[in-house]
């Protein structure tokens, strides 16, 4: 039986150099005509939720047409600044070795479960040379839903269609750095490994319900063991 390993991206595997809020503000200015007073909180949330809340905060109706225009502009802006991600961003310690080790196993399928829309996820992972470790076709992304928990089942369905295996909570593992990731796993139907590589410290991740919490990804054997035995 294969294990479906679903990685969050930002602050779990990479730091993109802090350009996301700037790009959101730039796109808002271009489409709405003024700088935003506030961009919605991003950590652990989907691009659909962030965009919707940012527009609503400014009294702007997030119509489907506006959301489509906004997110298309976001994807284009991230693509145009992939060089900035490569220059300013970095892969977090241990992430490369963990991904490489798991990718070498025939009983593991690695993909993404991220708040990034798919185009942005691909830009970030490509800029930091991580794309080859993933089958991104079976991931779930920030425009697939406003909340993260339903994305787990969506990724499982996509993986099942492609690989023929039945992916359930017993053979699906989500790795992330926020309580949103922990909730997504528990409510969506996956086991979870939380890593304290973002803004949420290990004790808070445990309080959020994560059964397995790692300080970081630097101990490759422990990371792999935690994921496969989560």
Foldseek 3Di string as FASTA:
>chain_A
DAFEEAEADDLAWKPQQPCLVVLLQVLCCVVVPDGQPDFDDDPLWAPLQRVCVSCVVVVHHCDPVNSVVSLVSSLVSLLVCLVSSLVRMATDAQNVVLLVVQLVDPRYAYEYQYNAALSNVVSNCVSHVNVVSHPHQLAFYRVNDRARQQRLVSSQVRCCVVPVDRHFQVRYEYEEADLSSVCSCVNNTHQYEYEPSDDDHQVVNVVSPHPHYHPGNNPNVVVVCVRRVD
